[in-house]
């Protein structure tokens, strides 16, 4: 069973970490997890974000910023386990 955000120490949760320490302390996965907002029953938003970042890396997209997400299709985002179309559309529209 995956670890839920509520089970993590407050200092390791993306939203709380952002509030406590600022955006410069967050990893790209944590920043993207904040955009994603919530995970699934099986995976946290951080895990989903890591998978999306991995997909970008596999496609050799520049990951210095999140602009590479513009290059991913909705179908590619939906390949991420349990990434619903509404969440994929939401992620895509943020970019």
N, C-alpha and C. Protein backbone atom coordinates (compact mmCIF):
# COMPACT_ATOMS: atom_id res chain seq x y z
N UNK A 1 0.84 -1.18 0.00
CA UNK A 1 0.00 0.00 0.00
C UNK A 1 0.89 1.24 0.00
N UNK A 2 0.60 2.19 -0.88
CA UNK A 2 1.45 3.38 -0.98
C UNK A 2 1.31 4.28 0.25
N UNK A 3 2.34 5.07 0.47
CA UNK A 3 2.31 6.04 1.56
C UNK A 3 1.44 7.22 1.14
N UNK A 4 0.53 7.60 1.99
CA UNK A 4 -0.33 8.75 1.72
C UNK A 4 0.36 10.01 2.22
N UNK A 5 0.03 11.14 1.60
CA UNK A 5 0.63 12.42 1.98
C UNK A 5 0.43 12.70 3.47
N UNK A 6 -0.73 12.36 3.99
CA UNK A 6 -1.02 12.63 5.40
C UNK A 6 -0.11 11.83 6.33
N UNK A 7 0.49 10.75 5.80
CA UNK A 7 1.38 9.92 6.61
C UNK A 7 2.81 10.48 6.63
N UNK A 8 3.12 11.36 5.69
CA UNK A 8 4.45 11.96 5.63
C UNK A 8 4.59 13.04 6.70
N UNK A 9 5.81 13.28 7.16
CA UNK A 9 6.02 14.42 8.05
C UNK A 9 5.61 15.71 7.32
N UNK A 10 5.10 16.66 8.05
CA UNK A 10 4.63 17.91 7.45
C UNK A 10 5.71 18.55 6.58
N UNK A 11 6.95 18.47 7.01
CA UNK A 11 8.05 19.11 6.27
C UNK A 11 8.34 18.44 4.93
N UNK A 12 7.73 17.27 4.66
CA UNK A 12 7.96 16.57 3.40
C UNK A 12 6.76 16.62 2.45
N UNK A 13 5.69 17.27 2.87
CA UNK A 13 4.51 17.39 2.02
C UNK A 13 4.68 18.62 1.13
N UNK A 14 4.43 18.48 -0.18
CA UNK A 14 4.69 19.60 -1.10
C UNK A 14 4.03 20.92 -0.73
N UNK A 15 2.74 20.91 -0.40
CA UNK A 15 2.06 22.18 -0.07
C UNK A 15 2.67 22.82 1.17
N UNK A 16 2.86 22.00 2.18
CA UNK A 16 3.40 22.52 3.44
C UNK A 16 4.84 22.96 3.29
N UNK A 17 5.61 22.20 2.52
CA UNK A 17 7.01 22.54 2.28
C UNK A 17 7.10 23.88 1.54
N UNK A 18 6.20 24.09 0.59
CA UNK A 18 6.14 25.36 -0.13
C UNK A 18 5.87 26.51 0.83
N UNK A 19 4.89 26.34 1.69
CA UNK A 19 4.54 27.39 2.65
C UNK A 19 5.66 27.65 3.65
N UNK A 20 6.30 26.59 4.12
CA UNK A 20 7.32 26.72 5.17
C UNK A 20 8.66 27.22 4.64
N UNK A 21 9.07 26.72 3.47
CA UNK A 21 10.43 26.97 3.01
C UNK A 21 10.54 27.70 1.67
N UNK A 22 9.43 27.83 0.94
CA UNK A 22 9.46 28.53 -0.34
C UNK A 22 9.64 27.59 -1.52
N UNK A 23 9.31 28.11 -2.69
CA UNK A 23 9.33 27.28 -3.90
C UNK A 23 10.71 26.80 -4.31
N UNK A 24 11.75 27.53 -3.93
CA UNK A 24 13.11 27.13 -4.32
C UNK A 24 13.57 25.85 -3.64
N UNK A 25 12.86 25.41 -2.61
CA UNK A 25 13.25 24.19 -1.91
C UNK A 25 12.56 22.95 -2.48
N UNK A 26 11.62 23.15 -3.39
CA UNK A 26 10.86 22.03 -3.94
C UNK A 26 11.55 21.43 -5.16
N UNK A 27 11.45 20.12 -5.27
CA UNK A 27 11.95 19.44 -6.47
C UNK A 27 10.94 19.67 -7.60
N UNK A 28 11.34 19.38 -8.83
CA UNK A 28 10.40 19.50 -9.95
C UNK A 28 9.19 18.60 -9.73
N UNK A 29 9.42 17.41 -9.19
CA UNK A 29 8.31 16.48 -8.93
C UNK A 29 7.34 17.07 -7.91
N UNK A 30 7.87 17.72 -6.89
CA UNK A 30 7.00 18.33 -5.87
C UNK A 30 6.22 19.51 -6.45
N UNK A 31 6.86 20.32 -7.29
CA UNK A 31 6.16 21.43 -7.93
C UNK A 31 5.04 20.92 -8.83
N UNK A 32 5.35 19.89 -9.62
CA UNK A 32 4.34 19.32 -10.50
C UNK A 32 3.24 18.65 -9.69
N UNK A 33 3.58 18.05 -8.57
CA UNK A 33 2.57 17.43 -7.70
C UNK A 33 1.57 18.46 -7.20
N UNK A 34 2.03 19.67 -6.95
CA UNK A 34 1.12 20.74 -6.52
C UNK A 34 0.15 21.08 -7.65
N UNK A 35 0.64 21.09 -8.88
CA UNK A 35 -0.23 21.34 -10.03
C UNK A 35 -1.24 20.21 -10.18
N UNK A 36 -0.77 18.97 -10.02
CA UNK A 36 -1.63 17.80 -10.15
C UNK A 36 -2.70 17.78 -9.05
N UNK A 37 -2.36 18.27 -7.89
CA UNK A 37 -3.25 18.41 -6.73
C UNK A 37 -3.45 17.13 -5.94
N UNK A 38 -3.85 16.05 -6.58
CA UNK A 38 -4.10 14.83 -5.81
C UNK A 38 -3.64 13.62 -6.59
N UNK A 39 -3.32 12.59 -5.85
CA UNK A 39 -2.92 11.34 -6.47
C UNK A 39 -4.13 10.44 -6.66
N UNK A 40 -3.85 9.15 -6.70
CA UNK A 40 -4.89 8.13 -6.82
C UNK A 40 -4.84 7.26 -5.58
N UNK A 41 -5.68 6.26 -5.53
CA UNK A 41 -5.63 5.32 -4.41
C UNK A 41 -4.30 4.59 -4.39
N UNK A 42 -3.73 4.39 -5.57
CA UNK A 42 -2.50 3.62 -5.69
C UNK A 42 -1.23 4.45 -5.59
N UNK A 43 -1.31 5.73 -5.99
CA UNK A 43 -0.09 6.54 -6.08
C UNK A 43 -0.33 7.96 -5.61
N UNK A 44 0.68 8.52 -4.98
CA UNK A 44 0.60 9.92 -4.54
C UNK A 44 0.78 10.85 -5.73
N UNK A 45 0.44 12.10 -5.54
CA UNK A 45 0.63 13.09 -6.61
C UNK A 45 2.11 13.23 -6.94
N UNK A 46 2.98 13.06 -5.95
CA UNK A 46 4.43 13.15 -6.21
C UNK A 46 4.87 11.99 -7.09
N UNK A 47 4.36 10.79 -6.84
CA UNK A 47 4.71 9.63 -7.67
C UNK A 47 4.22 9.83 -9.10
N UNK A 48 2.99 10.32 -9.26
CA UNK A 48 2.48 10.61 -10.60
C UNK A 48 3.35 11.66 -11.29
N UNK A 49 3.74 12.68 -10.56
CA UNK A 49 4.60 13.73 -11.12
C UNK A 49 5.94 13.14 -11.56
N UNK A 50 6.51 12.26 -10.76
CA UNK A 50 7.78 11.62 -11.13
C UNK A 50 7.62 10.82 -12.41
N UNK A 51 6.49 10.16 -12.58
CA UNK A 51 6.25 9.38 -13.80
C UNK A 51 6.12 10.30 -15.02
N UNK A 52 5.46 11.43 -14.84
CA UNK A 52 5.33 12.40 -15.94
C UNK A 52 6.70 12.95 -16.31
N UNK A 53 7.51 13.27 -15.32
CA UNK A 53 8.86 13.76 -15.58
C UNK A 53 9.69 12.69 -16.28
N UNK A 54 9.51 11.44 -15.90
CA UNK A 54 10.21 10.33 -16.54
C UNK A 54 9.82 10.21 -18.01
N UNK A 55 8.53 10.40 -18.28
CA UNK A 55 8.04 10.34 -19.65
C UNK A 55 8.70 11.41 -20.50
N UNK A 56 8.85 12.60 -19.94
CA UNK A 56 9.54 13.67 -20.64
C UNK A 56 11.00 13.33 -20.89
N UNK A 57 11.62 12.72 -19.91
CA UNK A 57 13.03 12.33 -20.04
C UNK A 57 13.20 11.26 -21.12
N UNK A 58 12.28 10.29 -21.17
CA UNK A 58 12.32 9.24 -22.18
C UNK A 58 12.21 9.82 -23.59
N UNK A 59 11.46 10.91 -23.71
CA UNK A 59 11.28 11.56 -25.01
C UNK A 59 12.34 12.61 -25.29
N UNK A 60 13.35 12.67 -24.42
CA UNK A 60 14.47 13.61 -24.57
C UNK A 60 14.04 15.07 -24.62
N UNK A 61 12.98 15.41 -23.88
CA UNK A 61 12.56 16.80 -23.81
C UNK A 61 13.41 17.53 -22.78
N UNK A 62 13.65 18.79 -23.03
CA UNK A 62 14.40 19.63 -22.09
C UNK A 62 13.58 19.78 -20.82
N UNK A 63 14.18 19.40 -19.69
CA UNK A 63 13.44 19.45 -18.44
C UNK A 63 13.92 20.57 -17.52
N UNK A 64 14.58 21.57 -18.09
CA UNK A 64 15.00 22.71 -17.28
C UNK A 64 13.79 23.51 -16.80
N UNK A 65 12.69 23.37 -17.49
CA UNK A 65 11.43 23.99 -17.07
C UNK A 65 10.31 23.02 -17.42
N UNK A 66 9.11 23.38 -17.08
CA UNK A 66 7.98 22.50 -17.38
C UNK A 66 7.45 22.68 -18.79
N UNK A 67 8.11 23.47 -19.61
CA UNK A 67 7.61 23.69 -20.97
C UNK A 67 7.58 22.40 -21.78
N UNK A 68 8.37 21.41 -21.39
CA UNK A 68 8.35 20.13 -22.11
C UNK A 68 6.97 19.47 -22.04
N UNK A 69 6.19 19.83 -21.02
CA UNK A 69 4.85 19.24 -20.89
C UNK A 69 3.96 19.63 -22.07
N UNK A 70 4.27 20.75 -22.70
CA UNK A 70 3.51 21.17 -23.88
C UNK A 70 3.70 20.17 -25.02
N UNK A 71 4.82 19.47 -25.01
CA UNK A 71 5.13 18.52 -26.07
C UNK A 71 4.42 17.17 -25.87
N UNK A 72 3.97 16.90 -24.66
CA UNK A 72 3.29 15.63 -24.37
C UNK A 72 1.83 15.72 -24.78
N UNK A 73 1.33 14.66 -25.36
CA UNK A 73 -0.08 14.64 -25.75
C UNK A 73 -0.94 14.21 -24.56
N UNK A 74 -2.22 14.45 -24.66
CA UNK A 74 -3.16 14.00 -23.63
C UNK A 74 -3.06 12.48 -23.51
N UNK A 75 -2.95 11.78 -24.64
CA UNK A 75 -2.85 10.32 -24.60
C UNK A 75 -1.60 9.87 -23.86
N UNK A 76 -0.48 10.56 -24.06
CA UNK A 76 0.75 10.21 -23.34
C UNK A 76 0.56 10.42 -21.84
N UNK A 77 -0.07 11.52 -21.47
CA UNK A 77 -0.33 11.77 -20.05
C UNK A 77 -1.27 10.73 -19.47
N UNK A 78 -2.22 10.27 -20.27
CA UNK A 78 -3.16 9.28 -19.78
C UNK A 78 -2.53 7.90 -19.65
N UNK A 79 -1.38 7.68 -20.28
CA UNK A 79 -0.68 6.41 -20.14
C UNK A 79 -0.14 6.24 -18.72
N UNK A 80 0.07 7.35 -18.04
CA UNK A 80 0.49 7.28 -16.65
C UNK A 80 -0.64 6.59 -15.89
N UNK A 81 -0.30 5.62 -15.11
CA UNK A 81 -1.31 4.79 -14.44
C UNK A 81 -2.39 5.63 -13.77
N UNK A 82 -3.62 5.36 -14.16
CA UNK A 82 -4.80 5.96 -13.55
C UNK A 82 -4.90 7.48 -13.73
N UNK A 83 -4.17 8.03 -14.66
CA UNK A 83 -4.26 9.47 -14.89
C UNK A 83 -5.51 9.72 -15.73
N UNK A 84 -6.57 10.10 -15.09
CA UNK A 84 -7.85 10.31 -15.77
C UNK A 84 -7.73 11.41 -16.82
N UNK A 85 -8.63 11.38 -17.78
CA UNK A 85 -8.61 12.39 -18.83
C UNK A 85 -8.79 13.78 -18.24
N UNK A 86 -9.66 13.95 -17.27
CA UNK A 86 -9.88 15.28 -16.70
C UNK A 86 -8.60 15.81 -16.06
N UNK A 87 -7.86 14.94 -15.37
CA UNK A 87 -6.61 15.36 -14.75
C UNK A 87 -5.56 15.64 -15.83
N UNK A 88 -5.54 14.82 -16.89
CA UNK A 88 -4.60 15.04 -17.99
C UNK A 88 -4.89 16.36 -18.68
N UNK A 89 -6.17 16.64 -18.92
CA UNK A 89 -6.54 17.92 -19.53
C UNK A 89 -6.14 19.08 -18.64
N UNK A 90 -6.35 18.92 -17.36
CA UNK A 90 -5.99 19.97 -16.40
C UNK A 90 -4.49 20.21 -16.40
N UNK A 91 -3.70 19.14 -16.39
CA UNK A 91 -2.24 19.28 -16.40
C UNK A 91 -1.78 19.95 -17.69
N UNK A 92 -2.35 19.53 -18.80
CA UNK A 92 -1.97 20.08 -20.10
C UNK A 92 -2.34 21.57 -20.18
N UNK A 93 -3.50 21.93 -19.66
CA UNK A 93 -3.94 23.32 -19.77
C UNK A 93 -3.10 24.26 -18.91
N UNK A 94 -2.47 23.73 -17.87
CA UNK A 94 -1.60 24.57 -17.03
C UNK A 94 -0.37 25.02 -17.80
N UNK A 95 -0.02 24.30 -18.82
CA UNK A 95 1.20 24.61 -19.55
C UNK A 95 0.88 25.48 -20.73
